[in-house]
Amino acid sequence: MKHEKKFREQEQQQVSETQARQAGAKEFGSVEELLRYDASQTAVPPDVTHRLDRSLQKEPCRPRPWWRRILGS
């Protein structure tokens, strides 16, 4: 009886540990899904946002498409 009780306690503990690990784990079908999930969970620091905005403002504007230049739109 003692061995059965000890075995059941160990088994119960293993089951609870396995369930705890599985509760926090996620599976993704592709790398893209993983990256999208990670991006949605990660906040971009404000400093990085400001630097990116400033960098984008320095970029030259795209030229007008050829058909707009010809049609004058």
PDB file of N, CA and C in Angstrom:
ATOM      1  N   MET A   1       0.802  -1.201   0.000  1.00  0.00           N
ATOM      2  CA  MET A   1       0.000   0.000   0.000  1.00  0.00           C
ATOM      3  C   MET A   1       0.849   1.271   0.000  1.00  0.00           C
ATOM      4  N   LYS A   2       1.923   1.284   0.781  1.00  0.00           N
ATOM      5  CA  LYS A   2       2.762   2.470   0.852  1.00  0.00           C
ATOM      6  C   LYS A   2       3.356   2.797  -0.512  1.00  0.00           C
ATOM      7  N   HIS A   3       3.785   1.745  -1.214  1.00  0.00           N
ATOM      8  CA  HIS A   3       4.392   1.964  -2.531  1.00  0.00           C
ATOM      9  C   HIS A   3       3.376   2.519  -3.515  1.00  0.00           C
ATOM     10  N   GLU A   4       2.146   2.016  -3.453  1.00  0.00           N
ATOM     11  CA  GLU A   4       1.101   2.504  -4.363  1.00  0.00           C
ATOM     12  C   GLU A   4       0.788   3.978  -4.091  1.00  0.00           C
ATOM     13  N   LYS A   5       0.706   4.319  -2.802  1.00  0.00           N
ATOM     14  CA  LYS A   5       0.400   5.705  -2.447  1.00  0.00           C
ATOM     15  C   LYS A   5       1.518   6.634  -2.910  1.00  0.00           C
ATOM     16  N   LYS A   6       2.769   6.223  -2.702  1.00  0.00           N
ATOM     17  CA  LYS A   6       3.905   7.032  -3.109  1.00  0.00           C
ATOM     18  C   LYS A   6       3.937   7.169  -4.631  1.00  0.00           C
ATOM     19  N   PHE A   7       3.657   6.071  -5.338  1.00  0.00           N
ATOM     20  CA  PHE A   7       3.634   6.095  -6.794  1.00  0.00           C
ATOM     21  C   PHE A   7       2.543   7.033  -7.294  1.00  0.00           C
ATOM     22  N   ARG A   8       1.375   6.986  -6.702  1.00  0.00           N
ATOM     23  CA  ARG A   8       0.267   7.854  -7.117  1.00  0.00           C
ATOM     24  C   ARG A   8       0.600   9.323  -6.870  1.00  0.00           C
ATOM     25  N   GLU A   9       1.258   9.619  -5.761  1.00  0.00           N
ATOM     26  CA  GLU A   9       1.648  10.999  -5.480  1.00  0.00           C
ATOM     27  C   GLU A   9       2.644  11.508  -6.522  1.00  0.00           C
ATOM     28  N   GLN A  10       3.611  10.666  -6.865  1.00  0.00           N
ATOM     29  CA  GLN A  10       4.589  11.054  -7.871  1.00  0.00           C
ATOM     30  C   GLN A  10       3.920  11.237  -9.236  1.00  0.00           C
ATOM     31  N   GLU A  11       3.014  10.319  -9.553  1.00  0.00           N
ATOM     32  CA  GLU A  11       2.312  10.402 -10.826  1.00  0.00           C
ATOM     33  C   GLU A  11       1.465  11.679 -10.889  1.00  0.00           C
ATOM     34  N   GLN A  12       0.792  11.979  -9.795  1.00  0.00           N
ATOM     35  CA  GLN A  12      -0.028  13.188  -9.729  1.00  0.00           C
ATOM     36  C   GLN A  12       0.828  14.432  -9.917  1.00  0.00           C
ATOM     37  N   GLN A  13       1.992  14.442  -9.299  1.00  0.00           N
ATOM     38  CA  GLN A  13       2.893  15.579  -9.408  1.00  0.00           C
ATOM     39  C   GLN A  13       3.384  15.734 -10.848  1.00  0.00           C
ATOM     40  N   GLN A  14       3.722  14.634 -11.491  1.00  0.00           N
ATOM     41  CA  GLN A  14       4.183  14.688 -12.873  1.00  0.00           C
ATOM     42  C   GLN A  14       3.086  15.199 -13.800  1.00  0.00           C
ATOM     43  N   VAL A  15       1.857  14.764 -13.575  1.00  0.00           N
ATOM     44  CA  VAL A  15       0.739  15.198 -14.399  1.00  0.00           C
ATOM     45  C   VAL A  15       0.514  16.696 -14.229  1.00  0.00           C
ATOM     46  N   SER A  16       0.571  17.193 -12.997  1.00  0.00           N
ATOM     47  CA  SER A  16       0.352  18.616 -12.769  1.00  0.00           C
ATOM     48  C   SER A  16       1.478  19.453 -13.371  1.00  0.00           C
ATOM     49  N   GLU A  17       2.722  18.962 -13.318  1.00  0.00           N
ATOM     50  CA  GLU A  17       3.837  19.683 -13.935  1.00  0.00           C
ATOM     51  C   GLU A  17       3.685  19.725 -15.457  1.00  0.00           C
ATOM     52  N   THR A  18       3.273  18.617 -16.042  1.00  0.00           N
ATOM     53  CA  THR A  18       3.077  18.555 -17.492  1.00  0.00           C
ATOM     54  C   THR A  18       1.973  19.510 -17.917  1.00  0.00           C
ATOM     55  N   GLN A  19       0.893  19.551 -17.183  1.00  0.00           N
ATOM     56  CA  GLN A  19      -0.211  20.455 -17.518  1.00  0.00           C
ATOM     57  C   GLN A  19       0.215  21.907 -17.391  1.00  0.00           C
ATOM     58  N   ALA A  20       1.023  22.221 -16.398  1.00  0.00           N
ATOM     59  CA  ALA A  20       1.496  23.593 -16.207  1.00  0.00           C
ATOM     60  C   ALA A  20       2.381  24.016 -17.379  1.00  0.00           C
ATOM     61  N   ARG A  21       3.239  23.105 -17.852  1.00  0.00           N
ATOM     62  CA  ARG A  21       4.101  23.424 -18.984  1.00  0.00           C
ATOM     63  C   ARG A  21       3.284  23.615 -20.260  1.00  0.00           C
ATOM     64  N   GLN A  22       2.278  22.783 -20.458  1.00  0.00           N
ATOM     65  CA  GLN A  22       1.474  22.854 -21.674  1.00  0.00           C
ATOM     66  C   GLN A  22       0.599  24.099 -21.696  1.00  0.00           C
ATOM     67  N   ALA A  23       0.200  24.593 -20.544  1.00  0.00           N
ATOM     68  CA  ALA A  23      -0.660  25.771 -20.480  1.00  0.00           C
ATOM     69  C   ALA A  23       0.072  26.999 -21.024  1.00  0.00           C
ATOM     70  N   GLY A  24       1.374  27.112 -20.826  1.00  0.00           N
ATOM     71  CA  GLY A  24       2.129  28.265 -21.273  1.00  0.00           C
ATOM     72  C   GLY A  24       2.688  28.123 -22.679  1.00  0.00           C
ATOM     73  N   ALA A  25       2.641  26.927 -23.244  1.00  0.00           N
ATOM     74  CA  ALA A  25       3.236  26.686 -24.559  1.00  0.00           C
ATOM     75  C   ALA A  25       2.232  26.965 -25.670  1.00  0.00           C
ATOM     76  N   LYS A  26       2.744  27.469 -26.786  1.00  0.00           N
ATOM     77  CA  LYS A  26       1.928  27.705 -27.980  1.00  0.00           C
ATOM     78  C   LYS A  26       2.624  27.050 -29.152  1.00  0.00           C
ATOM     79  N   GLU A  27       1.819  26.564 -30.080  1.00  0.00           N
ATOM     80  CA  GLU A  27       2.378  26.011 -31.303  1.00  0.00           C
ATOM     81  C   GLU A  27       1.978  26.893 -32.467  1.00  0.00           C
ATOM     82  N   PHE A  28       2.901  27.083 -33.392  1.00  0.00           N
ATOM     83  CA  PHE A  28       2.660  27.923 -34.556  1.00  0.00           C
ATOM     84  C   PHE A  28       2.846  27.091 -35.807  1.00  0.00           C
ATOM     85  N   GLY A  29       2.005  27.369 -36.794  1.00  0.00           N
ATOM     86  CA  GLY A  29       2.068  26.622 -38.042  1.00  0.00           C
ATOM     87  C   GLY A  29       3.217  27.042 -38.928  1.00  0.00           C
ATOM     88  N   SER A  30       3.701  28.264 -38.740  1.00  0.00           N
ATOM     89  CA  SER A  30       4.805  28.746 -39.570  1.00  0.00           C
ATOM     90  C   SER A  30       5.602  29.785 -38.794  1.00  0.00           C
ATOM     91  N   VAL A  31       6.740  30.113 -39.344  1.00  0.00           N
ATOM     92  CA  VAL A  31       7.600  31.121 -38.728  1.00  0.00           C
ATOM     93  C   VAL A  31       6.910  32.482 -38.763  1.00  0.00           C
ATOM     94  N   GLU A  32       6.177  32.750 -39.851  1.00  0.00           N
ATOM     95  CA  GLU A  32       5.485  34.025 -39.978  1.00  0.00           C
ATOM     96  C   GLU A  32       4.469  34.206 -38.848  1.00  0.00           C
ATOM     97  N   GLU A  33       3.742  33.147 -38.508  1.00  0.00           N
ATOM     98  CA  GLU A  33       2.771  33.229 -37.404  1.00  0.00           C
ATOM     99  C   GLU A  33       3.483  33.534 -36.097  1.00  0.00           C
ATOM    100  N   LEU A  34       4.610  32.896 -35.880  1.00  0.00           N
ATOM    101  CA  LEU A  34       5.391  33.132 -34.662  1.00  0.00           C
ATOM    102  C   LEU A  34       5.834  34.585 -34.591  1.00  0.00           C
ATOM    103  N   LEU A  35       6.344  35.120 -35.705  1.00  0.00           N
ATOM    104  CA  LEU A  35       6.811  36.507 -35.720  1.00  0.00           C
ATOM    105  C   LEU A  35       5.664  37.489 -35.522  1.00  0.00           C
ATOM    106  N   ARG A  36       4.510  37.212 -36.139  1.00  0.00           N
ATOM    107  CA  ARG A  36       3.353  38.094 -35.952  1.00  0.00           C
ATOM    108  C   ARG A  36       2.891  38.079 -34.491  1.00  0.00           C
ATOM    109  N   TYR A  37       2.852  36.906 -33.894  1.00  0.00           N
ATOM    110  CA  TYR A  37       2.445  36.802 -32.493  1.00  0.00           C
ATOM    111  C   TYR A  37       3.432  37.553 -31.601  1.00  0.00           C
ATOM    112  N   ASP A  38       4.713  37.353 -31.855  1.00  0.00           N
ATOM    113  CA  ASP A  38       5.732  38.016 -31.051  1.00  0.00           C
ATOM    114  C   ASP A  38       5.648  39.533 -31.201  1.00  0.00           C
ATOM    115  N   ALA A  39       5.423  39.991 -32.419  1.00  0.00           N
ATOM    116  CA  ALA A  39       5.318  41.434 -32.652  1.00  0.00           C
ATOM    117  C   ALA A  39       4.102  42.019 -31.945  1.00  0.00           C
ATOM    118  N   SER A  40       3.014  41.264 -31.891  1.00  0.00           N
ATOM    119  CA  SER A  40       1.818  41.779 -31.217  1.00  0.00           C
ATOM    120  C   SER A  40       1.989  41.818 -29.700  1.00  0.00           C
ATOM    121  N   GLN A  41       2.892  41.002 -29.180  1.00  0.00           N
ATOM    122  CA  GLN A  41       3.111  40.941 -27.736  1.00  0.00           C
ATOM    123  C   GLN A  41       4.234  41.859 -27.260  1.00  0.00           C
ATOM    124  N   THR A  42       5.027  42.378 -28.186  1.00  0.00           N
ATOM    125  CA  THR A  42       6.193  43.178 -27.827  1.00  0.00           C
ATOM    126  C   THR A  42       5.931  44.649 -28.136  1.00  0.00           C
ATOM    127  N   ALA A  43       6.105  45.474 -27.140  1.00  0.00           N
ATOM    128  CA  ALA A  43       5.915  46.915 -27.325  1.00  0.00           C
ATOM    129  C   ALA A  43       7.204  47.533 -27.863  1.00  0.00           C
ATOM    130  N   VAL A  44       7.060  48.413 -28.844  1.00  0.00           N
ATOM    131  CA  VAL A  44       8.225  49.107 -29.408  1.00  0.00           C
ATOM    132  C   VAL A  44       8.556  50.286 -28.495  1.00  0.00           C
ATOM    133  N   PRO A  45       9.819  50.399 -28.078  1.00  0.00           N
ATOM    134  CA  PRO A  45      10.189  51.520 -27.214  1.00  0.00           C
ATOM    135  C   PRO A  45       9.970  52.856 -27.928  1.00  0.00           C
ATOM    136  N   PRO A  46       9.540  53.884 -27.185  1.00  0.00           N
ATOM    137  CA  PRO A  46       9.269  55.190 -27.794  1.00  0.00           C
ATOM    138  C   PRO A  46      10.472  55.786 -28.525  1.00  0.00           C
ATOM    139  N   ASP A  47      11.664  55.577 -28.003  1.00  0.00           N
ATOM    140  CA  ASP A  47      12.861  56.114 -28.658  1.00  0.00           C
ATOM    141  C   ASP A  47      13.023  55.543 -30.067  1.00  0.00           C
ATOM    142  N   VAL A  48      12.778  54.264 -30.192  1.00  0.00           N
ATOM    143  CA  VAL A  48      12.896  53.619 -31.505  1.00  0.00           C
ATOM    144  C   VAL A  48      11.834  54.163 -32.451  1.00  0.00           C
ATOM    145  N   THR A  49      10.632  54.358 -31.948  1.00  0.00           N
ATOM    146  CA  THR A  49       9.550  54.898 -32.764  1.00  0.00           C
ATOM    147  C   THR A  49       9.901  56.282 -33.294  1.00  0.00           C
ATOM    148  N   HIS A  50      10.439  57.146 -32.440  1.00  0.00           N
ATOM    149  CA  HIS A  50      10.808  58.505 -32.850  1.00  0.00           C
ATOM    150  C   HIS A  50      11.933  58.482 -33.882  1.00  0.00           C
ATOM    151  N   ARG A  51      12.936  57.644 -33.661  1.00  0.00           N
ATOM    152  CA  ARG A  51      14.046  57.561 -34.613  1.00  0.00           C
ATOM    153  C   ARG A  51      13.562  57.057 -35.967  1.00  0.00           C
ATOM    154  N   LEU A  52      12.661  56.091 -35.959  1.00  0.00           N
ATOM    155  CA  LEU A  52      12.116  55.562 -37.211  1.00  0.00           C
ATOM    156  C   LEU A  52      11.311  56.631 -37.940  1.00  0.00           C
ATOM    157  N   ASP A  53      10.493  57.377 -37.205  1.00  0.00           N
ATOM    158  CA  ASP A  53       9.713  58.455 -37.818  1.00  0.00           C
ATOM    159  C   ASP A  53      10.632  59.498 -38.463  1.00  0.00           C
ATOM    160  N   ARG A  54      11.673  59.906 -37.748  1.00  0.00           N
ATOM    161  CA  ARG A  54      12.607  60.898 -38.290  1.00  0.00           C
ATOM    162  C   ARG A  54      13.315  60.368 -39.532  1.00  0.00           C
ATOM    163  N   SER A  55      13.682  59.109 -39.498  1.00  0.00           N
ATOM    164  CA  SER A  55      14.367  58.503 -40.636  1.00  0.00           C
ATOM    165  C   SER A  55      13.452  58.441 -41.854  1.00  0.00           C
ATOM    166  N   LEU A  56      12.199  58.114 -41.641  1.00  0.00           N
ATOM    167  CA  LEU A  56      11.254  58.041 -42.757  1.00  0.00           C
ATOM    168  C   LEU A  56      10.963  59.419 -43.348  1.00  0.00           C
ATOM    169  N   GLN A  57      10.987  60.447 -42.532  1.00  0.00           N
ATOM    170  CA  GLN A  57      10.762  61.798 -43.036  1.00  0.00           C
ATOM    171  C   GLN A  57      11.906  62.251 -43.936  1.00  0.00           C
ATOM    172  N   LYS A  58      13.099  61.744 -43.716  1.00  0.00           N
ATOM    173  CA  LYS A  58      14.255  62.112 -44.529  1.00  0.00           C
ATOM    174  C   LYS A  58      14.269  61.403 -45.882  1.00  0.00           C
ATOM    175  N   GLU A  59      13.508  60.335 -46.013  1.00  0.00           N
ATOM    176  CA  GLU A  59      13.480  59.595 -47.273  1.00  0.00           C
ATOM    177  C   GLU A  59      12.862  60.445 -48.370  1.00  0.00           C
ATOM    178  N   PRO A  60      13.395  60.361 -49.591  1.00  0.00           N
ATOM    179  CA  PRO A  60      12.805  61.139 -50.689  1.00  0.00           C
ATOM    180  C   PRO A  60      11.423  60.600 -51.059  1.00  0.00           C
ATOM    181  N   CYS A  61      10.585  61.499 -51.572  1.00  0.00           N
ATOM    182  CA  CYS A  61       9.246  61.096 -52.009  1.00  0.00           C
ATOM    183  C   CYS A  61       9.362  60.224 -53.253  1.00  0.00           C
ATOM    184  N   ARG A  62       8.408  59.332 -53.399  1.00  0.00           N
ATOM    185  CA  ARG A  62       8.395  58.491 -54.591  1.00  0.00           C
ATOM    186  C   ARG A  62       8.047  59.332 -55.811  1.00  0.00           C
ATOM    187  N   PRO A  63       8.666  59.046 -56.950  1.00  0.00           N
ATOM    188  CA  PRO A  63       8.315  59.793 -58.157  1.00  0.00           C
ATOM    189  C   PRO A  63       6.896  59.425 -58.601  1.00  0.00           C
ATOM    190  N   ARG A  64       6.255  60.403 -59.270  1.00  0.00           N
ATOM    191  CA  ARG A  64       4.908  60.139 -59.762  1.00  0.00           C
ATOM    192  C   ARG A  64       4.966  59.062 -60.834  1.00  0.00           C
ATOM    193  N   PRO A  65       3.955  58.217 -60.913  1.00  0.00           N
ATOM    194  CA  PRO A  65       3.937  57.187 -61.957  1.00  0.00           C
ATOM    195  C   PRO A  65       3.932  57.830 -63.349  1.00  0.00           C
ATOM    196  N   TRP A  66       4.475  57.140 -64.325  1.00  0.00           N
ATOM    197  CA  TRP A  66       4.593  57.674 -65.678  1.00  0.00           C
ATOM    198  C   TRP A  66       3.249  58.052 -66.261  1.00  0.00           C
ATOM    199  N   TRP A  67       2.209  57.266 -65.962  1.00  0.00           N
ATOM    200  CA  TRP A  67       0.897  57.536 -66.541  1.00  0.00           C
ATOM    201  C   TRP A  67       0.284  58.802 -65.953  1.00  0.00           C
ATOM    202  N   ARG A  68       0.636  59.136 -64.728  1.00  0.00           N
ATOM    203  CA  ARG A  68       0.108  60.392 -64.147  1.00  0.00           C
ATOM    204  C   ARG A  68       0.844  61.591 -64.737  1.00  0.00           C
ATOM    205  N   ARG A  69       2.128  61.416 -65.028  1.00  0.00           N
ATOM    206  CA  ARG A  69       2.885  62.522 -65.637  1.00  0.00           C
ATOM    207  C   ARG A  69       2.361  62.804 -67.035  1.00  0.00           C
ATOM    208  N   ILE A  70       2.024  61.737 -67.781  1.00  0.00           N
ATOM    209  CA  ILE A  70       1.538  61.918 -69.148  1.00  0.00           C
ATOM    210  C   ILE A  70       0.138  62.499 -69.153  1.00  0.00           C
ATOM    211  N   LEU A  71      -0.744  61.971 -68.289  1.00  0.00           N
ATOM    212  CA  LEU A  71      -2.143  62.411 -68.261  1.00  0.00           C
ATOM    213  C   LEU A  71      -2.313  63.729 -67.506  1.00  0.00           C
ATOM    214  N   GLY A  72      -1.305  64.099 -66.759  1.00  0.00           N
ATOM    215  CA  GLY A  72      -1.382  65.372 -66.042  1.00  0.00           C
ATOM    216  C   GLY A  72      -2.277  65.328 -64.814  1.00  0.00           C
ATOM    217  N   SER A  73      -2.478  64.174 -64.266  1.00  0.00           N
ATOM    218  CA  SER A  73      -3.344  64.064 -63.076  1.00  0.00           C
ATOM    219  C   SER A  73      -2.576  64.363 -61.824  1.00  0.00           C
TER     220      SER A  73
END
